[in-house]
Amino acid sequence: MNEINPKITNINKISSVEPDIKQKKSSQQGDTSFNDILTNQINKSSNDTGFKENTSLGEIKASFAAQRLTLELNQTQFTQKLETSLDLLDTYAALLQDPDKTLKQAHGLLEQIIDQTKALDREAKENPDFSHDLKNILTQLLTTAQVEQIKFNRGDYL
C-alpha cells in the first residue's frame, strides 16, 4: 500500500463556509427594514394602473405590432377613399346647381359615386375591425347616393 503524503491530504478537503448571520445595511437604504421596502414596492405596484410591457416574447410582440400596423394602414386607405367619395358628392351637388352643366354630366358623376360607395361597402364588410364611426359615415353616404339616383331616374332634376 502507498503512504499518504501529508501535503496532499488537504487538496480535496471541503472547506466549510460559515454564513454571515448579520445583514449588511446598504448605504442607500439607511435604517429601512425589509418590511418597509416590501410595503413600498407593493404600494407602488398597486397604484400602477398601466400595463407593463412583456419583453420575453419579442417575436410575438413584433408580429402583433405588424398586424396592428396593417389594420391601421387599411383603415387609413379606407378613410381616404371615403373622403374622395364625399368630395365627389360635393362636386355632384355643385354640378346640379350650375346651369351651364348638363344632366348627362351629373349622371356620369352620380354613377361614379355609387360605384365607389358600393366598393367601400364591400371593403367595410370584409374588415369588421374598422371603426364603427367610419361605417356609419359610409352608410349615410351610400343612402344619400341611392336617394340621389332615385331622384335622378324619377326626373326630379328636369
N, C-alpha and C. Protein backbone atom coordinates (compact mmCIF):
# COMPACT_ATOMS: atom_id res chain seq x y z
N MET A 1 0.79 -1.16 0.00
CA MET A 1 0.00 0.00 0.00
C MET A 1 0.85 1.25 0.00
N ASN A 2 0.32 2.27 -0.57
CA ASN A 2 1.05 3.54 -0.63
C ASN A 2 0.76 4.40 0.59
N GLU A 3 1.74 5.11 0.96
CA GLU A 3 1.53 6.03 2.07
C GLU A 3 0.95 7.34 1.56
N ILE A 4 0.16 7.92 2.39
CA ILE A 4 -0.46 9.19 2.03
C ILE A 4 0.49 10.32 2.43
N ASN A 5 0.74 11.11 1.46
CA ASN A 5 1.60 12.25 1.70
C ASN A 5 0.81 13.31 2.48
N PRO A 6 1.30 13.80 3.58
CA PRO A 6 0.55 14.77 4.38
C PRO A 6 0.29 16.08 3.64
N LYS A 7 1.09 16.41 2.66
CA LYS A 7 0.85 17.64 1.91
C LYS A 7 -0.35 17.50 0.98
N ILE A 8 -0.64 16.29 0.52
CA ILE A 8 -1.72 16.05 -0.43
C ILE A 8 -3.07 15.91 0.27
N THR A 9 -3.11 15.65 1.49
CA THR A 9 -4.38 15.41 2.18
C THR A 9 -5.31 16.61 2.17
N ASN A 10 -4.80 17.78 2.02
CA ASN A 10 -5.63 18.98 2.04
C ASN A 10 -6.14 19.39 0.66
N ILE A 11 -5.81 18.62 -0.36
CA ILE A 11 -6.19 19.01 -1.72
C ILE A 11 -7.70 18.98 -1.93
N ASN A 12 -8.35 17.89 -1.60
CA ASN A 12 -9.78 17.76 -1.84
C ASN A 12 -10.63 18.05 -0.61
N LYS A 13 -10.04 18.66 0.34
CA LYS A 13 -10.78 18.94 1.56
C LYS A 13 -11.80 20.04 1.29
N ILE A 14 -13.01 19.79 1.70
CA ILE A 14 -14.08 20.76 1.52
C ILE A 14 -14.03 21.73 2.68
N SER A 15 -13.89 22.95 2.34
CA SER A 15 -13.84 23.94 3.41
C SER A 15 -15.27 24.31 3.79
N SER A 16 -15.45 24.47 5.03
CA SER A 16 -16.79 24.82 5.48
C SER A 16 -16.90 26.34 5.52
N VAL A 17 -17.97 26.80 4.92
CA VAL A 17 -18.22 28.24 4.88
C VAL A 17 -19.30 28.53 5.89
N GLU A 18 -18.99 29.41 6.78
CA GLU A 18 -19.98 29.78 7.78
C GLU A 18 -20.74 30.99 7.27
N PRO A 19 -22.05 30.88 7.22
CA PRO A 19 -22.82 32.02 6.71
C PRO A 19 -22.77 33.18 7.69
N ASP A 20 -22.75 34.36 7.11
CA ASP A 20 -22.74 35.56 7.94
C ASP A 20 -24.18 35.87 8.32
N ILE A 21 -24.50 35.74 9.56
CA ILE A 21 -25.87 35.91 10.03
C ILE A 21 -26.27 37.38 10.05
N LYS A 22 -25.33 38.24 10.25
CA LYS A 22 -25.66 39.66 10.30
C LYS A 22 -25.88 40.17 8.88
N GLN A 23 -26.94 40.94 8.69
CA GLN A 23 -27.21 41.52 7.39
C GLN A 23 -26.48 42.85 7.29
N LYS A 24 -25.90 43.05 6.13
CA LYS A 24 -25.22 44.31 5.92
C LYS A 24 -26.25 45.33 5.47
N LYS A 25 -26.17 46.50 6.02
CA LYS A 25 -27.10 47.57 5.66
C LYS A 25 -26.53 48.32 4.46
N SER A 26 -27.39 48.59 3.52
CA SER A 26 -26.98 49.35 2.36
C SER A 26 -26.86 50.81 2.73
N SER A 27 -25.88 51.46 2.18
CA SER A 27 -25.69 52.88 2.50
C SER A 27 -26.81 53.72 1.89
N GLN A 28 -27.46 53.22 0.84
CA GLN A 28 -28.54 53.96 0.21
C GLN A 28 -29.84 53.83 0.99
N GLN A 29 -30.07 52.70 1.61
CA GLN A 29 -31.33 52.45 2.29
C GLN A 29 -31.36 53.03 3.70
N GLY A 30 -30.23 53.22 4.31
CA GLY A 30 -30.19 53.74 5.67
C GLY A 30 -30.72 52.70 6.63
N ASP A 31 -31.63 53.08 7.50
CA ASP A 31 -32.17 52.18 8.51
C ASP A 31 -33.48 51.52 8.07
N THR A 32 -33.83 51.55 6.80
CA THR A 32 -35.08 50.99 6.32
C THR A 32 -35.05 49.47 6.44
N SER A 33 -36.10 48.92 6.99
CA SER A 33 -36.16 47.48 7.15
C SER A 33 -36.73 46.84 5.89
N PHE A 34 -36.56 45.56 5.78
CA PHE A 34 -37.06 44.81 4.64
C PHE A 34 -38.57 44.96 4.52
N ASN A 35 -39.26 44.93 5.63
CA ASN A 35 -40.72 45.05 5.64
C ASN A 35 -41.15 46.39 5.04
N ASP A 36 -40.44 47.46 5.35
CA ASP A 36 -40.77 48.78 4.80
C ASP A 36 -40.56 48.81 3.29
N ILE A 37 -39.47 48.23 2.84
CA ILE A 37 -39.17 48.19 1.41
C ILE A 37 -40.23 47.38 0.68
N LEU A 38 -40.60 46.23 1.23
CA LEU A 38 -41.61 45.39 0.62
C LEU A 38 -42.95 46.11 0.55
N THR A 39 -43.33 46.78 1.61
CA THR A 39 -44.59 47.52 1.63
C THR A 39 -44.59 48.63 0.59
N ASN A 40 -43.48 49.34 0.46
CA ASN A 40 -43.39 50.40 -0.55
C ASN A 40 -43.53 49.84 -1.96
N GLN A 41 -42.90 48.71 -2.23
CA GLN A 41 -42.99 48.11 -3.56
C GLN A 41 -44.40 47.63 -3.87
N ILE A 42 -45.07 47.07 -2.89
CA ILE A 42 -46.44 46.61 -3.09
C ILE A 42 -47.35 47.79 -3.36
N ASN A 43 -47.17 48.86 -2.61
CA ASN A 43 -47.99 50.06 -2.83
C ASN A 43 -47.74 50.67 -4.20
N LYS A 44 -46.50 50.68 -4.64
CA LYS A 44 -46.18 51.20 -5.97
C LYS A 44 -46.85 50.37 -7.05
N SER A 45 -46.78 49.05 -6.90
CA SER A 45 -47.37 48.19 -7.93
C SER A 45 -48.88 48.24 -7.92
N SER A 46 -49.50 48.45 -6.76
CA SER A 46 -50.96 48.53 -6.73
C SER A 46 -51.45 49.87 -7.24
N ASN A 47 -50.64 50.92 -7.12
CA ASN A 47 -51.02 52.23 -7.65
C ASN A 47 -50.77 52.33 -9.14
N ASP A 48 -49.94 51.47 -9.66
CA ASP A 48 -49.61 51.49 -11.08
C ASP A 48 -50.74 50.83 -11.85
N THR A 49 -51.49 51.61 -12.63
CA THR A 49 -52.63 51.06 -13.37
C THR A 49 -52.26 50.69 -14.80
N GLY A 50 -51.10 51.14 -15.27
CA GLY A 50 -50.70 50.84 -16.64
C GLY A 50 -50.20 49.41 -16.77
N PHE A 51 -50.27 48.90 -17.99
CA PHE A 51 -49.77 47.56 -18.24
C PHE A 51 -48.28 47.62 -18.45
N LYS A 52 -47.61 46.63 -17.94
CA LYS A 52 -46.17 46.56 -18.14
C LYS A 52 -45.91 45.78 -19.42
N GLU A 53 -44.88 46.20 -20.11
CA GLU A 53 -44.56 45.60 -21.38
C GLU A 53 -43.85 44.27 -21.18
N ASN A 54 -44.28 43.25 -21.91
CA ASN A 54 -43.67 41.94 -21.81
C ASN A 54 -42.52 41.88 -22.81
N THR A 55 -41.33 41.68 -22.30
CA THR A 55 -40.17 41.65 -23.18
C THR A 55 -39.68 40.25 -23.44
N SER A 56 -40.32 39.25 -22.88
CA SER A 56 -39.82 37.90 -23.02
C SER A 56 -40.15 37.28 -24.37
N LEU A 57 -41.19 37.73 -25.03
CA LEU A 57 -41.59 37.15 -26.31
C LEU A 57 -41.58 38.22 -27.40
N GLY A 58 -40.40 38.65 -27.78
CA GLY A 58 -40.25 39.71 -28.76
C GLY A 58 -40.83 39.37 -30.12
N GLU A 59 -40.75 38.09 -30.52
CA GLU A 59 -41.26 37.70 -31.82
C GLU A 59 -42.77 37.88 -31.90
N ILE A 60 -43.47 37.49 -30.84
CA ILE A 60 -44.92 37.62 -30.82
C ILE A 60 -45.30 39.09 -30.79
N LYS A 61 -44.58 39.86 -30.01
CA LYS A 61 -44.86 41.29 -29.91
C LYS A 61 -44.67 41.96 -31.27
N ALA A 62 -43.62 41.62 -31.98
CA ALA A 62 -43.37 42.21 -33.29
C ALA A 62 -44.44 41.80 -34.28
N SER A 63 -44.88 40.55 -34.22
CA SER A 63 -45.94 40.08 -35.11
C SER A 63 -47.24 40.82 -34.85
N PHE A 64 -47.57 41.02 -33.58
CA PHE A 64 -48.78 41.74 -33.23
C PHE A 64 -48.71 43.19 -33.71
N ALA A 65 -47.55 43.82 -33.55
CA ALA A 65 -47.38 45.20 -34.00
C ALA A 65 -47.54 45.30 -35.51
N ALA A 66 -47.04 44.31 -36.24
CA ALA A 66 -47.18 44.31 -37.70
C ALA A 66 -48.64 44.15 -38.10
N GLN A 67 -49.38 43.30 -37.42
CA GLN A 67 -50.80 43.13 -37.73
C GLN A 67 -51.57 44.40 -37.43
N ARG A 68 -51.24 45.06 -36.33
CA ARG A 68 -51.93 46.30 -35.97
C ARG A 68 -51.61 47.39 -36.98
N LEU A 69 -50.36 47.44 -37.46
CA LEU A 69 -49.97 48.43 -38.45
C LEU A 69 -50.72 48.19 -39.75
N THR A 70 -50.87 46.93 -40.16
CA THR A 70 -51.62 46.61 -41.38
C THR A 70 -53.06 47.08 -41.25
N LEU A 71 -53.68 46.84 -40.09
CA LEU A 71 -55.05 47.28 -39.88
C LEU A 71 -55.15 48.79 -39.95
N GLU A 72 -54.19 49.50 -39.34
CA GLU A 72 -54.21 50.96 -39.37
C GLU A 72 -54.01 51.48 -40.79
N LEU A 73 -53.13 50.83 -41.57
CA LEU A 73 -52.93 51.25 -42.95
C LEU A 73 -54.20 51.02 -43.76
N ASN A 74 -54.84 49.86 -43.59
CA ASN A 74 -56.08 49.58 -44.30
C ASN A 74 -57.15 50.59 -43.93
N GLN A 75 -57.26 50.91 -42.66
CA GLN A 75 -58.28 51.85 -42.22
C GLN A 75 -57.96 53.26 -42.74
N THR A 76 -56.69 53.61 -42.82
CA THR A 76 -56.30 54.92 -43.36
C THR A 76 -56.65 55.00 -44.84
N GLN A 77 -56.36 53.94 -45.58
CA GLN A 77 -56.71 53.92 -47.00
C GLN A 77 -58.22 53.99 -47.19
N PHE A 78 -58.94 53.27 -46.35
CA PHE A 78 -60.40 53.28 -46.40
C PHE A 78 -60.92 54.69 -46.13
N THR A 79 -60.34 55.36 -45.16
CA THR A 79 -60.75 56.73 -44.83
C THR A 79 -60.49 57.67 -46.00
N GLN A 80 -59.37 57.50 -46.66
CA GLN A 80 -59.05 58.35 -47.81
C GLN A 80 -60.03 58.11 -48.96
N LYS A 81 -60.38 56.86 -49.19
CA LYS A 81 -61.36 56.55 -50.24
C LYS A 81 -62.73 57.12 -49.89
N LEU A 82 -63.09 57.03 -48.63
CA LEU A 82 -64.37 57.58 -48.17
C LEU A 82 -64.39 59.09 -48.35
N GLU A 83 -63.29 59.74 -48.05
CA GLU A 83 -63.20 61.19 -48.22
C GLU A 83 -63.30 61.57 -49.70
N THR A 84 -62.70 60.77 -50.57
CA THR A 84 -62.80 61.02 -52.00
C THR A 84 -64.24 60.92 -52.47
N SER A 85 -64.96 59.92 -51.97
CA SER A 85 -66.37 59.76 -52.34
C SER A 85 -67.21 60.94 -51.84
N LEU A 86 -66.92 61.41 -50.64
CA LEU A 86 -67.64 62.58 -50.11
C LEU A 86 -67.35 63.83 -50.95
N ASP A 87 -66.10 63.97 -51.39
CA ASP A 87 -65.75 65.09 -52.26
C ASP A 87 -66.49 65.01 -53.58
N LEU A 88 -66.62 63.79 -54.11
CA LEU A 88 -67.38 63.62 -55.36
C LEU A 88 -68.85 63.99 -55.16
N LEU A 89 -69.40 63.66 -54.01
CA LEU A 89 -70.80 64.02 -53.73
C LEU A 89 -70.95 65.54 -53.65
N ASP A 90 -69.98 66.22 -53.08
CA ASP A 90 -70.00 67.69 -53.05
C ASP A 90 -69.91 68.26 -54.46
N THR A 91 -69.06 67.65 -55.29
CA THR A 91 -68.93 68.08 -56.68
C THR A 91 -70.24 67.86 -57.43
N TYR A 92 -70.91 66.74 -57.15
CA TYR A 92 -72.21 66.44 -57.76
C TYR A 92 -73.24 67.50 -57.38
N ALA A 93 -73.27 67.90 -56.11
CA ALA A 93 -74.22 68.92 -55.65
C ALA A 93 -73.93 70.26 -56.35
N ALA A 94 -72.66 70.61 -56.49
CA ALA A 94 -72.30 71.85 -57.17
C ALA A 94 -72.64 71.78 -58.65
N LEU A 95 -72.49 70.60 -59.24
CA LEU A 95 -72.79 70.41 -60.66
C LEU A 95 -74.28 70.57 -60.93
N LEU A 96 -75.11 70.10 -60.00
CA LEU A 96 -76.56 70.24 -60.17
C LEU A 96 -76.99 71.70 -60.09
N GLN A 97 -76.28 72.50 -59.33
CA GLN A 97 -76.64 73.91 -59.18
C GLN A 97 -76.11 74.78 -60.32
N ASP A 98 -75.15 74.27 -61.07
CA ASP A 98 -74.56 75.04 -62.17
C ASP A 98 -75.43 74.91 -63.42
N PRO A 99 -75.99 76.02 -63.92
CA PRO A 99 -76.87 75.94 -65.10
C PRO A 99 -76.11 75.62 -66.39
N ASP A 100 -74.79 75.80 -66.40
CA ASP A 100 -74.01 75.52 -67.60
C ASP A 100 -73.68 74.03 -67.76
N LYS A 101 -73.91 73.24 -66.74
CA LYS A 101 -73.61 71.80 -66.80
C LYS A 101 -74.87 71.04 -67.20
N THR A 102 -74.65 69.91 -67.87
CA THR A 102 -75.78 69.10 -68.33
C THR A 102 -76.09 67.99 -67.34
N LEU A 103 -77.30 67.45 -67.44
CA LEU A 103 -77.69 66.33 -66.59
C LEU A 103 -76.92 65.07 -66.95
N LYS A 104 -76.46 64.99 -68.20
CA LYS A 104 -75.66 63.84 -68.61
C LYS A 104 -74.34 63.82 -67.83
N GLN A 105 -73.74 64.97 -67.63
CA GLN A 105 -72.51 65.05 -66.84
C GLN A 105 -72.79 64.67 -65.38
N ALA A 106 -73.91 65.14 -64.87
CA ALA A 106 -74.27 64.83 -63.48
C ALA A 106 -74.54 63.34 -63.31
N HIS A 107 -75.17 62.73 -64.33
CA HIS A 107 -75.48 61.30 -64.24
C HIS A 107 -74.20 60.47 -64.20
N GLY A 108 -73.22 60.82 -65.02
CA GLY A 108 -71.94 60.10 -65.03
C GLY A 108 -71.23 60.20 -63.67
N LEU A 109 -71.27 61.37 -63.08
CA LEU A 109 -70.65 61.56 -61.77
C LEU A 109 -71.40 60.79 -60.69
N LEU A 110 -72.73 60.77 -60.78
CA LEU A 110 -73.53 60.02 -59.81
C LEU A 110 -73.24 58.52 -59.90
N GLU A 111 -73.09 58.00 -61.10
CA GLU A 111 -72.75 56.58 -61.27
C GLU A 111 -71.38 56.27 -60.67
N GLN A 112 -70.44 57.19 -60.83
CA GLN A 112 -69.10 57.01 -60.25
C GLN A 112 -69.19 56.99 -58.72
N ILE A 113 -69.99 57.87 -58.16
CA ILE A 113 -70.16 57.91 -56.69
C ILE A 113 -70.76 56.60 -56.19
N ILE A 114 -71.78 56.11 -56.87
CA ILE A 114 -72.44 54.87 -56.45
C ILE A 114 -71.48 53.69 -56.54
N ASP A 115 -70.71 53.62 -57.62
CA ASP A 115 -69.74 52.52 -57.76
C ASP A 115 -68.70 52.56 -56.64
N GLN A 116 -68.19 53.74 -56.33
CA GLN A 116 -67.19 53.85 -55.27
C GLN A 116 -67.77 53.50 -53.90
N THR A 117 -68.98 53.95 -53.62
CA THR A 117 -69.56 53.67 -52.30
C THR A 117 -69.89 52.18 -52.16
N LYS A 118 -70.30 51.54 -53.24
CA LYS A 118 -70.56 50.09 -53.16
C LYS A 118 -69.25 49.33 -52.93
N ALA A 119 -68.18 49.77 -53.58
CA ALA A 119 -66.87 49.13 -53.37
C ALA A 119 -66.41 49.34 -51.93
N LEU A 120 -66.63 50.52 -51.40
CA LEU A 120 -66.28 50.79 -50.00
C LEU A 120 -67.12 49.94 -49.04
N ASP A 121 -68.38 49.74 -49.39
CA ASP A 121 -69.25 48.92 -48.54
C ASP A 121 -68.76 47.47 -48.51
N ARG A 122 -68.34 46.95 -49.65
CA ARG A 122 -67.78 45.59 -49.69
C ARG A 122 -66.50 45.51 -48.86
N GLU A 123 -65.67 46.53 -48.97
CA GLU A 123 -64.41 46.56 -48.21
C GLU A 123 -64.69 46.63 -46.71
N ALA A 124 -65.69 47.40 -46.32
CA ALA A 124 -66.04 47.51 -44.90
C ALA A 124 -66.57 46.19 -44.35
N LYS A 125 -67.31 45.45 -45.17
CA LYS A 125 -67.83 44.15 -44.72
C LYS A 125 -66.71 43.12 -44.59
N GLU A 126 -65.66 43.25 -45.40
CA GLU A 126 -64.52 42.33 -45.33
C GLU A 126 -63.64 42.61 -44.11
N ASN A 127 -63.71 43.82 -43.58
CA ASN A 127 -62.86 44.22 -42.44
C ASN A 127 -63.74 44.63 -41.28
N PRO A 128 -64.15 43.69 -40.45
CA PRO A 128 -65.05 44.03 -39.35
C PRO A 128 -64.39 44.86 -38.25
N ASP A 129 -63.06 44.99 -38.28
CA ASP A 129 -62.35 45.75 -37.25
C ASP A 129 -62.32 47.25 -37.51
N PHE A 130 -62.87 47.68 -38.64
CA PHE A 130 -62.89 49.10 -38.95
C PHE A 130 -63.73 49.85 -37.93
N SER A 131 -63.46 51.12 -37.81
CA SER A 131 -64.16 51.98 -36.86
C SER A 131 -65.66 52.01 -37.16
N HIS A 132 -66.44 51.95 -36.09
CA HIS A 132 -67.91 52.00 -36.21
C HIS A 132 -68.35 53.35 -36.79
N ASP A 133 -67.65 54.41 -36.42
CA ASP A 133 -67.99 55.74 -36.93
C ASP A 133 -67.77 55.83 -38.44
N LEU A 134 -66.69 55.24 -38.93
CA LEU A 134 -66.45 55.23 -40.37
C LEU A 134 -67.54 54.46 -41.11
N LYS A 135 -67.96 53.37 -40.51
CA LYS A 135 -69.03 52.58 -41.14
C LYS A 135 -70.34 53.35 -41.16
N ASN A 136 -70.60 54.13 -40.11
CA ASN A 136 -71.81 54.96 -40.10
C ASN A 136 -71.77 56.03 -41.19
N ILE A 137 -70.62 56.65 -41.37
CA ILE A 137 -70.47 57.65 -42.43
C ILE A 137 -70.68 57.00 -43.79
N LEU A 138 -70.12 55.81 -43.97
CA LEU A 138 -70.29 55.09 -45.23
C LEU A 138 -71.76 54.77 -45.48
N THR A 139 -72.47 54.33 -44.45
CA THR A 139 -73.89 54.02 -44.60
C THR A 139 -74.68 55.26 -45.01
N GLN A 140 -74.38 56.40 -44.40
CA GLN A 140 -75.06 57.64 -44.77
C GLN A 140 -74.73 58.05 -46.19
N LEU A 141 -73.48 57.89 -46.59
CA LEU A 141 -73.07 58.23 -47.94
C LEU A 141 -73.75 57.32 -48.96
N LEU A 142 -73.80 56.04 -48.67
CA LEU A 142 -74.44 55.08 -49.57
C LEU A 142 -75.93 55.39 -49.70
N THR A 143 -76.58 55.70 -48.60
CA THR A 143 -78.01 56.04 -48.62
C THR A 143 -78.25 57.31 -49.43
N THR A 144 -77.42 58.32 -49.22
CA THR A 144 -77.57 59.58 -49.97
C THR A 144 -77.38 59.35 -51.46
N ALA A 145 -76.38 58.56 -51.82
CA ALA A 145 -76.13 58.28 -53.24
C ALA A 145 -77.30 57.54 -53.87
N GLN A 146 -77.87 56.58 -53.16
CA GLN A 146 -79.00 55.83 -53.70
C GLN A 146 -80.25 56.71 -53.81
N VAL A 147 -80.46 57.58 -52.84
CA VAL A 147 -81.61 58.51 -52.91
C VAL A 147 -81.43 59.45 -54.09
N GLU A 148 -80.22 59.94 -54.31
CA GLU A 148 -79.96 60.82 -55.45
C GLU A 148 -80.18 60.09 -56.77
N GLN A 149 -79.82 58.82 -56.82
CA GLN A 149 -80.05 58.05 -58.04
C GLN A 149 -81.54 57.89 -58.29
N ILE A 150 -82.32 57.64 -57.26
CA ILE A 150 -83.78 57.52 -57.41
C ILE A 150 -84.36 58.84 -57.88
N LYS A 151 -83.94 59.94 -57.28
CA LYS A 151 -84.42 61.27 -57.69
C LYS A 151 -84.07 61.55 -59.15
N PHE A 152 -82.84 61.22 -59.52
CA PHE A 152 -82.38 61.48 -60.88
C PHE A 152 -83.19 60.66 -61.88
N ASN A 153 -83.37 59.37 -61.59
CA ASN A 153 -84.11 58.48 -62.50
C ASN A 153 -85.59 58.86 -62.56
N ARG A 154 -86.13 59.38 -61.50
CA ARG A 154 -87.53 59.79 -61.45
C ARG A 154 -87.76 61.09 -62.22
N GLY A 155 -86.72 61.86 -62.43
CA GLY A 155 -86.85 63.10 -63.19
C GLY A 155 -87.01 64.33 -62.32
N ASP A 156 -86.62 64.27 -61.10
CA ASP A 156 -86.75 65.42 -60.20
C ASP A 156 -85.89 66.61 -60.63
N TYR A 157 -84.85 66.38 -61.41
CA TYR A 157 -83.93 67.46 -61.78
C TYR A 157 -84.16 67.96 -63.21
N LEU A 158 -85.28 67.62 -63.83
CA LEU A 158 -85.58 68.11 -65.19
C LEU A 158 -86.09 69.52 -65.19
